[in-house]
């Protein structure tokens, strides 16, 4: 008889994961202008097609570089760092790089962009536009995502066609609450881990992420960190379905993990 292989749980696509990272916001930095410089904007917002709006101090040297650069824009890359919802020893769980060209929109267009962003996700920093802060726009040419699910390139059209995960803005609070108030959940989920992981010295199970297709765990052990995805029986589209799917994982010991 042949050996039975565990089916790898389904995961969101590269584009869906990238849209979720962009929607969460995370930490942002403009990189690639030289070998060492990392420029952190006052505020950033990534739109559905990968276009990014950045708010910079009006006296920042980057603004002069953009204005004095090519009319097509100054080549640059925006790096978004996605961190775990709980205090892990290795907190970074994903990186998204968007490469393109920085341009400086005119005052009227900049105000319209600020209003568009405020209608989608209000932020007090937008009120500083024109009062010590100036807007830049990154026109995307390509993007790359890297996380424990994989690494892959993305075109702006792929980002625009994908939807962010329905729980991407809720998972931080939900997973933090689970770890603080219901640590027994992770004790129950541990039985789905491959035996070699469960047997590792100093093994500690931590929440890493959740999406419509499954929950991700971080196994912190003495020999390093190991990330595992536990797939749901069926996709979850709302909070009630999410609770039901996690309940099935807690109560059913026969699930595959990656």
C-alpha atoms as a PDB file:
ATOM      1  CA  UNK A   1       0.000   0.000   0.000  1.00  0.00           C
ATOM      2  CA  UNK A   2       1.231   3.505  -0.770  1.00  0.00           C
ATOM      3  CA  UNK A   3       1.753   6.036   1.971  1.00  0.00           C
ATOM      4  CA  UNK A   4      -0.959   8.613   2.681  1.00  0.00           C
ATOM      5  CA  UNK A   5       0.110  12.225   2.134  1.00  0.00           C
ATOM      6  CA  UNK A   6      -1.525  15.146   3.910  1.00  0.00           C
ATOM      7  CA  UNK A   7      -3.166  17.594   1.530  1.00  0.00           C
ATOM      8  CA  UNK A   8      -1.722  21.069   1.838  1.00  0.00           C
ATOM      9  CA  UNK A   9      -4.450  23.393   3.150  1.00  0.00           C
ATOM     10  CA  UNK A  10      -5.784  25.989   0.760  1.00  0.00           C
ATOM     11  CA  UNK A  11      -4.445  29.515   1.216  1.00  0.00           C
ATOM     12  CA  UNK A  12      -5.433  32.907  -0.225  1.00  0.00           C
ATOM     13  CA  UNK A  13      -3.717  33.822  -3.480  1.00  0.00           C
ATOM     14  CA  UNK A  14      -0.656  36.050  -3.610  1.00  0.00           C
ATOM     15  CA  UNK A  15      -2.821  38.948  -4.767  1.00  0.00           C
ATOM     16  CA  UNK A  16      -5.383  38.427  -1.995  1.00  0.00           C
ATOM     17  CA  UNK A  17      -2.662  38.312   0.649  1.00  0.00           C
ATOM     18  CA  UNK A  18      -1.027  41.424  -0.802  1.00  0.00           C
ATOM     19  CA  UNK A  19      -4.341  43.310  -0.753  1.00  0.00           C
ATOM     20  CA  UNK A  20      -4.831  42.286   2.882  1.00  0.00           C
ATOM     21  CA  UNK A  21      -1.361  43.542   3.830  1.00  0.00           C
ATOM     22  CA  UNK A  22      -2.051  46.835   2.077  1.00  0.00           C
ATOM     23  CA  UNK A  23      -5.449  47.173   3.762  1.00  0.00           C
ATOM     24  CA  UNK A  24      -3.997  46.601   7.219  1.00  0.00           C
ATOM     25  CA  UNK A  25      -1.483  49.382   6.594  1.00  0.00           C
ATOM     26  CA  UNK A  26       1.437  48.160   8.671  1.00  0.00           C
ATOM     27  CA  UNK A  27       4.781  49.926   8.661  1.00  0.00           C
ATOM     28  CA  UNK A  28       5.891  51.647   5.459  1.00  0.00           C
ATOM     29  CA  UNK A  29       9.220  52.896   4.148  1.00  0.00           C
ATOM     30  CA  UNK A  30      10.439  54.200   0.807  1.00  0.00           C
ATOM     31  CA  UNK A  31      13.569  52.211  -0.059  1.00  0.00           C
ATOM     32  CA  UNK A  32      15.935  51.755  -2.971  1.00  0.00           C
ATOM     33  CA  UNK A  33      16.896  55.389  -3.509  1.00  0.00           C
ATOM     34  CA  UNK A  34      20.391  54.504  -2.322  1.00  0.00           C
ATOM     35  CA  UNK A  35      22.004  51.619  -0.481  1.00  0.00           C
ATOM     36  CA  UNK A  36      21.146  52.738   3.055  1.00  0.00           C
ATOM     37  CA  UNK A  37      18.298  55.234   3.016  1.00  0.00           C
ATOM     38  CA  UNK A  38      14.886  54.228   4.411  1.00  0.00           C
ATOM     39  CA  UNK A  39      12.340  57.042   4.383  1.00  0.00           C
ATOM     40  CA  UNK A  40       9.305  56.604   6.619  1.00  0.00           C
ATOM     41  CA  UNK A  41       6.290  58.692   5.522  1.00  0.00           C
ATOM     42  CA  UNK A  42       4.014  60.459   7.974  1.00  0.00           C
ATOM     43  CA  UNK A  43       1.112  58.515   6.516  1.00  0.00           C
ATOM     44  CA  UNK A  44       0.608  56.042   3.692  1.00  0.00           C
ATOM     45  CA  UNK A  45      -2.366  54.546   1.899  1.00  0.00           C
ATOM     46  CA  UNK A  46      -2.299  51.833  -0.764  1.00  0.00           C
ATOM     47  CA  UNK A  47      -5.195  51.835  -3.198  1.00  0.00           C
ATOM     48  CA  UNK A  48      -6.771  48.811  -4.849  1.00  0.00           C
ATOM     49  CA  UNK A  49      -4.524  48.928  -7.931  1.00  0.00           C
ATOM     50  CA  UNK A  50      -1.307  49.228  -5.915  1.00  0.00           C
ATOM     51  CA  UNK A  51      -1.034  52.992  -6.315  1.00  0.00           C
ATOM     52  CA  UNK A  52       0.224  54.451  -3.039  1.00  0.00           C
ATOM     53  CA  UNK A  53      -0.360  57.879  -1.556  1.00  0.00           C
ATOM     54  CA  UNK A  54       2.327  59.128   0.848  1.00  0.00           C
ATOM     55  CA  UNK A  55       2.265  62.117   3.158  1.00  0.00           C
ATOM     56  CA  UNK A  56       5.709  63.623   3.778  1.00  0.00           C
ATOM     57  CA  UNK A  57       7.019  66.583   5.801  1.00  0.00           C
ATOM     58  CA  UNK A  58       7.009  69.577   3.463  1.00  0.00           C
ATOM     59  CA  UNK A  59      10.707  70.226   4.071  1.00  0.00           C
ATOM     60  CA  UNK A  60      11.827  66.662   3.347  1.00  0.00           C
ATOM     61  CA  UNK A  61      14.620  66.245   0.793  1.00  0.00           C
ATOM     62  CA  UNK A  62      12.627  63.535  -1.007  1.00  0.00           C
ATOM     63  CA  UNK A  63      10.177  66.163  -2.241  1.00  0.00           C
ATOM     64  CA  UNK A  64      12.984  68.099  -3.922  1.00  0.00           C
ATOM     65  CA  UNK A  65      14.317  64.887  -5.478  1.00  0.00           C
ATOM     66  CA  UNK A  66      10.886  64.103  -6.938  1.00  0.00           C
ATOM     67  CA  UNK A  67      10.371  67.633  -8.282  1.00  0.00           C
ATOM     68  CA  UNK A  68      13.830  67.713  -9.832  1.00  0.00           C
ATOM     69  CA  UNK A  69      13.598  64.169 -11.187  1.00  0.00           C
ATOM     70  CA  UNK A  70      12.273  62.882 -14.510  1.00  0.00           C
ATOM     71  CA  UNK A  71       8.790  64.021 -15.566  1.00  0.00           C
ATOM     72  CA  UNK A  72       7.765  60.362 -15.607  1.00  0.00           C
ATOM     73  CA  UNK A  73       8.562  60.153 -11.903  1.00  0.00           C
ATOM     74  CA  UNK A  74      11.416  59.230  -9.595  1.00  0.00           C
ATOM     75  CA  UNK A  75      12.024  55.434  -9.503  1.00  0.00           C
ATOM     76  CA  UNK A  76      11.386  54.157  -5.978  1.00  0.00           C
ATOM     77  CA  UNK A  77      10.059  51.217  -4.009  1.00  0.00           C
ATOM     78  CA  UNK A  78       7.602  51.200  -1.111  1.00  0.00           C
ATOM     79  CA  UNK A  79       8.129  48.457   1.457  1.00  0.00           C
ATOM     80  CA  UNK A  80       5.203  47.420   3.656  1.00  0.00           C
ATOM     81  CA  UNK A  81       5.975  45.337   6.749  1.00  0.00           C
ATOM     82  CA  UNK A  82       3.147  43.226   8.150  1.00  0.00           C
ATOM     83  CA  UNK A  83       3.595  42.220  11.794  1.00  0.00           C
ATOM     84  CA  UNK A  84       1.922  39.581  13.938  1.00  0.00           C
ATOM     85  CA  UNK A  85      -1.026  40.492  16.184  1.00  0.00           C
ATOM     86  CA  UNK A  86       0.755  39.293  19.336  1.00  0.00           C
ATOM     87  CA  UNK A  87       4.234  39.839  20.757  1.00  0.00           C
ATOM     88  CA  UNK A  88       6.307  37.189  18.962  1.00  0.00           C
ATOM     89  CA  UNK A  89      10.076  36.964  19.165  1.00  0.00           C
ATOM     90  CA  UNK A  90      10.115  37.276  15.346  1.00  0.00           C
ATOM     91  CA  UNK A  91       7.190  39.663  14.730  1.00  0.00           C
ATOM     92  CA  UNK A  92       7.433  40.179  10.940  1.00  0.00           C
ATOM     93  CA  UNK A  93       5.107  37.796   9.155  1.00  0.00           C
ATOM     94  CA  UNK A  94       5.046  39.278   5.628  1.00  0.00           C
ATOM     95  CA  UNK A  95       6.635  41.884   3.373  1.00  0.00           C
ATOM     96  CA  UNK A  96       5.121  43.591   0.354  1.00  0.00           C
ATOM     97  CA  UNK A  97       7.267  45.626  -2.025  1.00  0.00           C
ATOM     98  CA  UNK A  98       5.645  47.954  -4.580  1.00  0.00           C
ATOM     99  CA  UNK A  99       7.999  49.349  -7.205  1.00  0.00           C
ATOM    100  CA  UNK A 100       7.130  52.302  -9.375  1.00  0.00           C
ATOM    101  CA  UNK A 101       7.591  56.042  -9.858  1.00  0.00           C
ATOM    102  CA  UNK A 102       7.070  58.840  -7.340  1.00  0.00           C
ATOM    103  CA  UNK A 103       5.300  61.952  -8.560  1.00  0.00           C
ATOM    104  CA  UNK A 104       4.057  65.090  -6.783  1.00  0.00           C
ATOM    105  CA  UNK A 105       0.364  65.775  -7.469  1.00  0.00           C
ATOM    106  CA  UNK A 106      -0.807  69.378  -7.648  1.00  0.00           C
ATOM    107  CA  UNK A 107      -2.594  70.932  -4.656  1.00  0.00           C
ATOM    108  CA  UNK A 108      -6.131  70.466  -6.037  1.00  0.00           C
ATOM    109  CA  UNK A 109      -5.570  66.806  -6.932  1.00  0.00           C
ATOM    110  CA  UNK A 110      -3.810  66.209  -3.601  1.00  0.00           C
ATOM    111  CA  UNK A 111      -6.830  67.522  -1.678  1.00  0.00           C
ATOM    112  CA  UNK A 112      -9.142  65.296  -3.714  1.00  0.00           C
ATOM    113  CA  UNK A 113      -6.956  62.287  -2.944  1.00  0.00           C
ATOM    114  CA  UNK A 114      -7.028  63.152   0.756  1.00  0.00           C
ATOM    115  CA  UNK A 115     -10.827  63.269   0.688  1.00  0.00           C
ATOM    116  CA  UNK A 116     -10.971  59.925  -1.120  1.00  0.00           C
ATOM    117  CA  UNK A 117      -8.699  58.339   1.499  1.00  0.00           C
ATOM    118  CA  UNK A 118     -10.671  59.899   4.365  1.00  0.00           C
ATOM    119  CA  UNK A 119     -13.925  58.478   3.000  1.00  0.00           C
ATOM    120  CA  UNK A 120     -12.373  55.010   2.937  1.00  0.00           C
ATOM    121  CA  UNK A 121     -10.299  55.141   6.118  1.00  0.00           C
ATOM    122  CA  UNK A 122     -10.329  58.414   8.102  1.00  0.00           C
ATOM    123  CA  UNK A 123      -6.998  59.432   9.641  1.00  0.00           C
ATOM    124  CA  UNK A 124      -6.211  62.637  11.554  1.00  0.00           C
ATOM    125  CA  UNK A 125      -2.855  63.034   9.758  1.00  0.00           C
ATOM    126  CA  UNK A 126      -4.670  63.889   6.521  1.00  0.00           C
ATOM    127  CA  UNK A 127      -5.593  67.245   8.078  1.00  0.00           C
ATOM    128  CA  UNK A 128      -1.905  68.201   7.954  1.00  0.00           C
ATOM    129  CA  UNK A 129      -1.935  68.300   4.151  1.00  0.00           C
ATOM    130  CA  UNK A 130      -0.891  71.827   3.178  1.00  0.00           C
ATOM    131  CA  UNK A 131       0.014  72.603   6.792  1.00  0.00           C
ATOM    132  CA  UNK A 132       3.529  71.216   7.083  1.00  0.00           C
ATOM    133  CA  UNK A 133       2.848  68.059   5.052  1.00  0.00           C
ATOM    134  CA  UNK A 134       2.923  67.421   1.297  1.00  0.00           C
ATOM    135  CA  UNK A 135       1.561  64.529  -0.715  1.00  0.00           C
ATOM    136  CA  UNK A 136       3.443  62.187  -3.038  1.00  0.00           C
ATOM    137  CA  UNK A 137       1.979  59.507  -5.271  1.00  0.00           C
ATOM    138  CA  UNK A 138       3.642  56.203  -6.202  1.00  0.00           C
ATOM    139  CA  UNK A 139       2.506  54.906  -9.586  1.00  0.00           C
ATOM    140  CA  UNK A 140       3.056  51.125  -9.460  1.00  0.00           C
ATOM    141  CA  UNK A 141       4.872  49.086 -12.057  1.00  0.00           C
ATOM    142  CA  UNK A 142       5.116  45.804 -10.169  1.00  0.00           C
ATOM    143  CA  UNK A 143       4.894  44.273  -6.715  1.00  0.00           C
ATOM    144  CA  UNK A 144       6.368  41.314  -4.836  1.00  0.00           C
ATOM    145  CA  UNK A 145       4.953  39.572  -1.771  1.00  0.00           C
ATOM    146  CA  UNK A 146       6.966  37.375   0.593  1.00  0.00           C
ATOM    147  CA  UNK A 147       5.507  35.450   3.525  1.00  0.00           C
ATOM    148  CA  UNK A 148       5.361  31.906   4.872  1.00  0.00           C
ATOM    149  CA  UNK A 149       2.782  30.978   2.220  1.00  0.00           C
ATOM    150  CA  UNK A 150       5.253  31.792  -0.542  1.00  0.00           C
ATOM    151  CA  UNK A 151       6.914  34.504  -2.594  1.00  0.00           C
ATOM    152  CA  UNK A 152       5.733  35.815  -5.913  1.00  0.00           C
ATOM    153  CA  UNK A 153       5.539  38.806  -8.263  1.00  0.00           C
ATOM    154  CA  UNK A 154       2.328  40.706  -8.914  1.00  0.00           C
ATOM    155  CA  UNK A 155       1.125  43.091 -11.586  1.00  0.00           C
ATOM    156  CA  UNK A 156      -1.060  46.084 -10.634  1.00  0.00           C
ATOM    157  CA  UNK A 157      -3.955  44.489 -12.541  1.00  0.00           C
ATOM    158  CA  UNK A 158      -3.741  41.393 -10.320  1.00  0.00           C
ATOM    159  CA  UNK A 159      -3.940  43.528  -7.193  1.00  0.00           C
ATOM    160  CA  UNK A 160      -6.932  45.421  -8.524  1.00  0.00           C
ATOM    161  CA  UNK A 161      -8.769  42.207  -9.401  1.00  0.00           C
ATOM    162  CA  UNK A 162      -8.306  40.699  -5.917  1.00  0.00           C
ATOM    163  CA  UNK A 163     -10.213  41.420  -2.712  1.00  0.00           C
ATOM    164  CA  UNK A 164      -8.624  41.712   0.725  1.00  0.00           C
ATOM    165  CA  UNK A 165      -9.532  38.994   3.193  1.00  0.00           C
ATOM    166  CA  UNK A 166     -12.811  39.748   5.043  1.00  0.00           C
ATOM    167  CA  UNK A 167     -11.034  39.410   8.416  1.00  0.00           C
ATOM    168  CA  UNK A 168      -7.849  41.332   7.658  1.00  0.00           C
ATOM    169  CA  UNK A 169      -8.871  44.327   9.784  1.00  0.00           C
ATOM    170  CA  UNK A 170     -10.353  42.202  12.597  1.00  0.00           C
ATOM    171  CA  UNK A 171      -7.781  39.474  13.112  1.00  0.00           C
ATOM    172  CA  UNK A 172      -5.434  41.448  15.379  1.00  0.00           C
ATOM    173  CA  UNK A 173      -8.036  42.027  18.078  1.00  0.00           C
ATOM    174  CA  UNK A 174      -9.589  38.596  17.716  1.00  0.00           C
ATOM    175  CA  UNK A 175      -6.323  36.641  17.920  1.00  0.00           C
ATOM    176  CA  UNK A 176      -4.972  38.805  20.742  1.00  0.00           C
ATOM    177  CA  UNK A 177      -8.164  38.138  22.702  1.00  0.00           C
ATOM    178  CA  UNK A 178      -7.897  34.408  22.075  1.00  0.00           C
ATOM    179  CA  UNK A 179      -4.330  34.245  23.368  1.00  0.00           C
ATOM    180  CA  UNK A 180      -5.059  36.407  26.420  1.00  0.00           C
ATOM    181  CA  UNK A 181      -8.454  35.021  27.431  1.00  0.00           C
ATOM    182  CA  UNK A 182      -8.670  31.562  25.855  1.00  0.00           C
ATOM    183  CA  UNK A 183      -5.186  29.982  25.750  1.00  0.00           C
ATOM    184  CA  UNK A 184      -6.848  26.553  25.908  1.00  0.00           C
ATOM    185  CA  UNK A 185      -7.837  27.064  22.245  1.00  0.00           C
ATOM    186  CA  UNK A 186      -4.197  26.750  21.193  1.00  0.00           C
ATOM    187  CA  UNK A 187      -3.712  23.712  23.406  1.00  0.00           C
ATOM    188  CA  UNK A 188      -6.558  22.067  21.491  1.00  0.00           C
ATOM    189  CA  UNK A 189      -5.233  23.202  18.101  1.00  0.00           C
ATOM    190  CA  UNK A 190      -1.791  21.802  18.932  1.00  0.00           C
ATOM    191  CA  UNK A 191      -3.011  18.261  18.289  1.00  0.00           C
ATOM    192  CA  UNK A 192      -3.257  19.105  14.580  1.00  0.00           C
ATOM    193  CA  UNK A 193       0.456  19.852  14.381  1.00  0.00           C
ATOM    194  CA  UNK A 194       2.824  17.291  12.880  1.00  0.00           C
ATOM    195  CA  UNK A 195       4.235  15.072  15.623  1.00  0.00           C
ATOM    196  CA  UNK A 196       7.852  16.303  15.125  1.00  0.00           C
ATOM    197  CA  UNK A 197       6.717  19.843  15.950  1.00  0.00           C
ATOM    198  CA  UNK A 198       4.717  18.834  19.009  1.00  0.00           C
ATOM    199  CA  UNK A 199       7.741  16.959  20.343  1.00  0.00           C
ATOM    200  CA  UNK A 200      10.186  19.866  20.011  1.00  0.00           C
ATOM    201  CA  UNK A 201      11.728  21.069  23.309  1.00  0.00           C
ATOM    202  CA  UNK A 202      10.254  24.313  24.600  1.00  0.00           C
ATOM    203  CA  UNK A 203       7.397  24.178  22.088  1.00  0.00           C
ATOM    204  CA  UNK A 204       4.948  27.092  22.457  1.00  0.00           C
ATOM    205  CA  UNK A 205       1.945  27.585  20.174  1.00  0.00           C
ATOM    206  CA  UNK A 206       1.148  31.206  19.250  1.00  0.00           C
ATOM    207  CA  UNK A 207      -1.451  32.797  16.940  1.00  0.00           C
ATOM    208  CA  UNK A 208       0.040  34.174  13.722  1.00  0.00           C
ATOM    209  CA  UNK A 209      -2.911  34.973  11.477  1.00  0.00           C
ATOM    210  CA  UNK A 210      -6.404  34.051  10.382  1.00  0.00           C
ATOM    211  CA  UNK A 211      -8.202  34.354   7.064  1.00  0.00           C
ATOM    212  CA  UNK A 212     -11.285  32.948   5.381  1.00  0.00           C
ATOM    213  CA  UNK A 213      -9.519  29.682   4.556  1.00  0.00           C
ATOM    214  CA  UNK A 214      -7.743  28.848   7.804  1.00  0.00           C
ATOM    215  CA  UNK A 215      -5.754  29.841  10.857  1.00  0.00           C
ATOM    216  CA  UNK A 216      -1.975  30.199  10.988  1.00  0.00           C
ATOM    217  CA  UNK A 217       0.055  29.266  14.047  1.00  0.00           C
ATOM    218  CA  UNK A 218       3.618  30.070  15.025  1.00  0.00           C
ATOM    219  CA  UNK A 219       5.421  27.257  16.849  1.00  0.00           C
ATOM    220  CA  UNK A 220       8.203  28.808  18.919  1.00  0.00           C
ATOM    221  CA  UNK A 221      10.704  26.114  19.913  1.00  0.00           C
ATOM    222  CA  UNK A 222      14.250  26.031  21.185  1.00  0.00           C
ATOM    223  CA  UNK A 223      15.602  25.307  17.695  1.00  0.00           C
ATOM    224  CA  UNK A 224      13.704  28.159  16.013  1.00  0.00           C
ATOM    225  CA  UNK A 225      10.280  29.164  14.739  1.00  0.00           C
ATOM    226  CA  UNK A 226       7.958  27.082  12.572  1.00  0.00           C
ATOM    227  CA  UNK A 227       4.783  28.365  10.879  1.00  0.00           C
ATOM    228  CA  UNK A 228       1.810  26.077  10.292  1.00  0.00           C
ATOM    229  CA  UNK A 229      -1.503  26.597   8.487  1.00  0.00           C
ATOM    230  CA  UNK A 230      -4.594  24.693   9.618  1.00  0.00           C
ATOM    231  CA  UNK A 231      -7.243  24.684   6.900  1.00  0.00           C
ATOM    232  CA  UNK A 232     -10.943  25.156   7.547  1.00  0.00           C
ATOM    233  CA  UNK A 233     -13.542  22.615   6.467  1.00  0.00           C
ATOM    234  CA  UNK A 234     -15.085  25.316   4.263  1.00  0.00           C
ATOM    235  CA  UNK A 235     -14.361  29.016   3.665  1.00  0.00           C
ATOM    236  CA  UNK A 236     -15.663  31.499   6.244  1.00  0.00           C
ATOM    237  CA  UNK A 237     -17.316  34.654   4.963  1.00  0.00           C
ATOM    238  CA  UNK A 238     -18.403  36.266   8.242  1.00  0.00           C
ATOM    239  CA  UNK A 239     -17.629  36.167  11.967  1.00  0.00           C
ATOM    240  CA  UNK A 240     -20.257  33.526  12.724  1.00  0.00           C
ATOM    241  CA  UNK A 241     -18.831  31.183  10.103  1.00  0.00           C
ATOM    242  CA  UNK A 242     -15.305  31.899  11.351  1.00  0.00           C
ATOM    243  CA  UNK A 243     -16.223  30.889  14.904  1.00  0.00           C
ATOM    244  CA  UNK A 244     -17.883  27.741  13.571  1.00  0.00           C
ATOM    245  CA  UNK A 245     -14.835  26.736  11.524  1.00  0.00           C
ATOM    246  CA  UNK A 246     -12.424  27.311  14.418  1.00  0.00           C
ATOM    247  CA  UNK A 247     -14.807  25.300  16.597  1.00  0.00           C
ATOM    248  CA  UNK A 248     -14.568  22.390  14.169  1.00  0.00           C
ATOM    249  CA  UNK A 249     -10.772  22.522  14.362  1.00  0.00           C
ATOM    250  CA  UNK A 250     -10.854  22.546  18.144  1.00  0.00           C
ATOM    251  CA  UNK A 251     -13.229  19.593  18.271  1.00  0.00           C
ATOM    252  CA  UNK A 252     -11.914  17.479  15.395  1.00  0.00           C
ATOM    253  CA  UNK A 253      -8.453  15.879  15.726  1.00  0.00           C
ATOM    254  CA  UNK A 254      -8.178  14.663  12.131  1.00  0.00           C
ATOM    255  CA  UNK A 255      -6.966  17.655  10.138  1.00  0.00           C
ATOM    256  CA  UNK A 256      -3.957  18.132   7.874  1.00  0.00           C
ATOM    257  CA  UNK A 257      -1.399  20.899   8.410  1.00  0.00           C
ATOM    258  CA  UNK A 258       1.301  22.466   6.272  1.00  0.00           C
END
